[in-house]
Amino acid sequence: MFKKVGGFLKAVSAEMRKVTWPSRPEIIRSTLIVLITIIIFAAVIGGIDVLFLQILNIFLR
């Protein structure tokens, strides 16, 4: 069993050496894009929610 675990860890280590990690500026840029996208979607969904609430209030009065 320990041979299998050792072989697995060696394979993982070999694969991790092949990974090209993003630079700090790339990570910051990607994070900002994600945050801006989340804010835009939250605003759109919030606007739709307010619109439906107003429509619902019109029908319930």
N, C-alpha and C. Protein backbone atom coordinates (compact mmCIF):
# COMPACT_ATOMS: atom_id res chain seq x y z
N MET A 1 0.82 -1.18 0.00
CA MET A 1 0.00 0.00 0.00
C MET A 1 0.88 1.26 0.00
N PHE A 2 1.99 1.21 0.76
CA PHE A 2 2.86 2.39 0.82
C PHE A 2 3.53 2.65 -0.52
N LYS A 3 3.75 1.59 -1.32
CA LYS A 3 4.32 1.76 -2.65
C LYS A 3 3.36 2.54 -3.54
N LYS A 4 2.07 2.20 -3.42
CA LYS A 4 1.06 2.89 -4.23
C LYS A 4 0.99 4.36 -3.85
N VAL A 5 1.01 4.64 -2.56
CA VAL A 5 0.96 6.03 -2.09
C VAL A 5 2.21 6.78 -2.54
N GLY A 6 3.36 6.15 -2.43
CA GLY A 6 4.61 6.77 -2.87
C GLY A 6 4.60 7.04 -4.36
N GLY A 7 4.11 6.08 -5.14
CA GLY A 7 4.01 6.27 -6.59
C GLY A 7 3.06 7.40 -6.94
N PHE A 8 1.96 7.46 -6.22
CA PHE A 8 1.00 8.54 -6.46
C PHE A 8 1.62 9.90 -6.16
N LEU A 9 2.32 10.01 -5.03
CA LEU A 9 2.94 11.29 -4.66
C LEU A 9 4.02 11.70 -5.66
N LYS A 10 4.77 10.72 -6.18
CA LYS A 10 5.76 11.03 -7.20
C LYS A 10 5.10 11.55 -8.48
N ALA A 11 3.98 10.93 -8.85
CA ALA A 11 3.25 11.36 -10.05
C ALA A 11 2.70 12.78 -9.85
N VAL A 12 2.18 13.03 -8.66
CA VAL A 12 1.66 14.37 -8.37
C VAL A 12 2.78 15.39 -8.44
N SER A 13 3.92 15.06 -7.87
CA SER A 13 5.06 15.97 -7.89
C SER A 13 5.51 16.24 -9.32
N ALA A 14 5.54 15.22 -10.15
CA ALA A 14 5.95 15.39 -11.55
C ALA A 14 4.96 16.29 -12.29
N GLU A 15 3.69 16.11 -12.05
CA GLU A 15 2.68 16.94 -12.70
C GLU A 15 2.74 18.39 -12.22
N MET A 16 3.02 18.58 -10.94
CA MET A 16 3.09 19.95 -10.39
C MET A 16 4.27 20.71 -10.99
N ARG A 17 5.32 20.01 -11.37
CA ARG A 17 6.45 20.69 -12.02
C ARG A 17 6.10 21.18 -13.41
N LYS A 18 5.09 20.56 -14.04
CA LYS A 18 4.68 20.95 -15.38
C LYS A 18 3.75 22.18 -15.38
N VAL A 19 3.22 22.51 -14.23
CA VAL A 19 2.24 23.60 -14.13
C VAL A 19 2.95 24.93 -14.34
N THR A 20 2.33 25.79 -15.15
CA THR A 20 2.82 27.17 -15.28
C THR A 20 1.90 28.05 -14.44
N TRP A 21 2.44 28.58 -13.39
CA TRP A 21 1.65 29.38 -12.46
C TRP A 21 1.55 30.81 -12.97
N PRO A 22 0.38 31.44 -12.77
CA PRO A 22 0.22 32.83 -13.22
C PRO A 22 1.06 33.78 -12.37
N SER A 23 1.44 34.89 -13.00
CA SER A 23 2.21 35.89 -12.26
C SER A 23 1.27 36.71 -11.38
N ARG A 24 1.84 37.48 -10.49
CA ARG A 24 1.04 38.30 -9.58
C ARG A 24 0.14 39.28 -10.34
N PRO A 25 0.65 39.99 -11.36
CA PRO A 25 -0.24 40.90 -12.11
C PRO A 25 -1.40 40.16 -12.80
N GLU A 26 -1.14 38.95 -13.30
CA GLU A 26 -2.21 38.17 -13.93
C GLU A 26 -3.28 37.78 -12.91
N ILE A 27 -2.86 37.42 -11.72
CA ILE A 27 -3.81 37.06 -10.66
C ILE A 27 -4.64 38.27 -10.26
N ILE A 28 -3.99 39.41 -10.10
CA ILE A 28 -4.71 40.63 -9.72
C ILE A 28 -5.72 41.01 -10.80
N ARG A 29 -5.29 40.97 -12.08
CA ARG A 29 -6.18 41.32 -13.19
C ARG A 29 -7.38 40.36 -13.24
N SER A 30 -7.14 39.08 -13.09
CA SER A 30 -8.22 38.10 -13.12
C SER A 30 -9.18 38.30 -11.95
N THR A 31 -8.63 38.58 -10.78
CA THR A 31 -9.47 38.81 -9.61
C THR A 31 -10.35 40.04 -9.81
N LEU A 32 -9.79 41.11 -10.36
CA LEU A 32 -10.58 42.32 -10.61
C LEU A 32 -11.68 42.05 -11.62
N ILE A 33 -11.39 41.29 -12.65
CA ILE A 33 -12.41 40.95 -13.64
C ILE A 33 -13.55 40.17 -12.99
N VAL A 34 -13.22 39.22 -12.14
CA VAL A 34 -14.23 38.43 -11.46
C VAL A 34 -15.07 39.32 -10.54
N LEU A 35 -14.43 40.19 -9.77
CA LEU A 35 -15.17 41.06 -8.86
C LEU A 35 -16.10 42.01 -9.62
N ILE A 36 -15.62 42.59 -10.70
CA ILE A 36 -16.44 43.49 -11.51
C ILE A 36 -17.63 42.74 -12.11
N THR A 37 -17.38 41.53 -12.59
CA THR A 37 -18.46 40.72 -13.15
C THR A 37 -19.50 40.39 -12.10
N ILE A 38 -19.07 40.05 -10.89
CA ILE A 38 -20.00 39.75 -9.81
C ILE A 38 -20.84 40.97 -9.47
N ILE A 39 -20.21 42.14 -9.41
CA ILE A 39 -20.95 43.37 -9.10
C ILE A 39 -21.98 43.68 -10.18
N ILE A 40 -21.60 43.51 -11.45
CA ILE A 40 -22.54 43.77 -12.55
C ILE A 40 -23.72 42.80 -12.48
N PHE A 41 -23.44 41.51 -12.30
CA PHE A 41 -24.53 40.54 -12.22
C PHE A 41 -25.42 40.79 -11.00
N ALA A 42 -24.84 41.17 -9.88
CA ALA A 42 -25.63 41.47 -8.69
C ALA A 42 -26.54 42.66 -8.95
N ALA A 43 -26.03 43.68 -9.63
CA ALA A 43 -26.84 44.85 -9.95
C ALA A 43 -27.98 44.49 -10.90
N VAL A 44 -27.70 43.68 -11.91
CA VAL A 44 -28.74 43.27 -12.86
C VAL A 44 -29.81 42.44 -12.16
N ILE A 45 -29.39 41.46 -11.39
CA ILE A 45 -30.35 40.61 -10.69
C ILE A 45 -31.14 41.43 -9.66
N GLY A 46 -30.48 42.34 -8.97
CA GLY A 46 -31.18 43.21 -8.02
C GLY A 46 -32.18 44.10 -8.73
N GLY A 47 -31.82 44.62 -9.90
CA GLY A 47 -32.76 45.44 -10.67
C GLY A 47 -33.97 44.65 -11.12
N ILE A 48 -33.74 43.44 -11.59
CA ILE A 48 -34.85 42.57 -11.99
C ILE A 48 -35.74 42.26 -10.79
N ASP A 49 -35.15 42.03 -9.64
CA ASP A 49 -35.90 41.76 -8.43
C ASP A 49 -36.79 42.94 -8.05
N VAL A 50 -36.23 44.14 -8.10
CA VAL A 50 -37.02 45.34 -7.78
C VAL A 50 -38.15 45.51 -8.80
N LEU A 51 -37.86 45.27 -10.07
CA LEU A 51 -38.89 45.38 -11.11
C LEU A 51 -40.03 44.41 -10.86
N PHE A 52 -39.71 43.15 -10.58
CA PHE A 52 -40.75 42.17 -10.31
C PHE A 52 -41.52 42.51 -9.04
N LEU A 53 -40.84 43.05 -8.05
CA LEU A 53 -41.52 43.45 -6.82
C LEU A 53 -42.52 44.57 -7.10
N GLN A 54 -42.13 45.53 -7.93
CA GLN A 54 -43.04 46.62 -8.29
C GLN A 54 -44.24 46.08 -9.07
N ILE A 55 -44.00 45.17 -9.99
CA ILE A 55 -45.10 44.58 -10.76
C ILE A 55 -46.03 43.80 -9.84
N LEU A 56 -45.46 43.05 -8.92
CA LEU A 56 -46.26 42.28 -7.97
C LEU A 56 -47.09 43.21 -7.08
N ASN A 57 -46.52 44.33 -6.65
CA ASN A 57 -47.27 45.29 -5.83
C ASN A 57 -48.43 45.89 -6.60
N ILE A 58 -48.25 46.13 -7.90
CA ILE A 58 -49.35 46.66 -8.72
C ILE A 58 -50.50 45.67 -8.76
N PHE A 59 -50.22 44.39 -8.94
CA PHE A 59 -51.27 43.39 -9.03
C PHE A 59 -51.93 43.08 -7.69
N LEU A 60 -51.22 43.28 -6.59
CA LEU A 60 -51.77 42.94 -5.27
C LEU A 60 -52.53 44.10 -4.63
N ARG A 61 -52.52 45.28 -5.21
CA ARG A 61 -53.24 46.40 -4.61
C ARG A 61 -54.68 46.37 -4.95
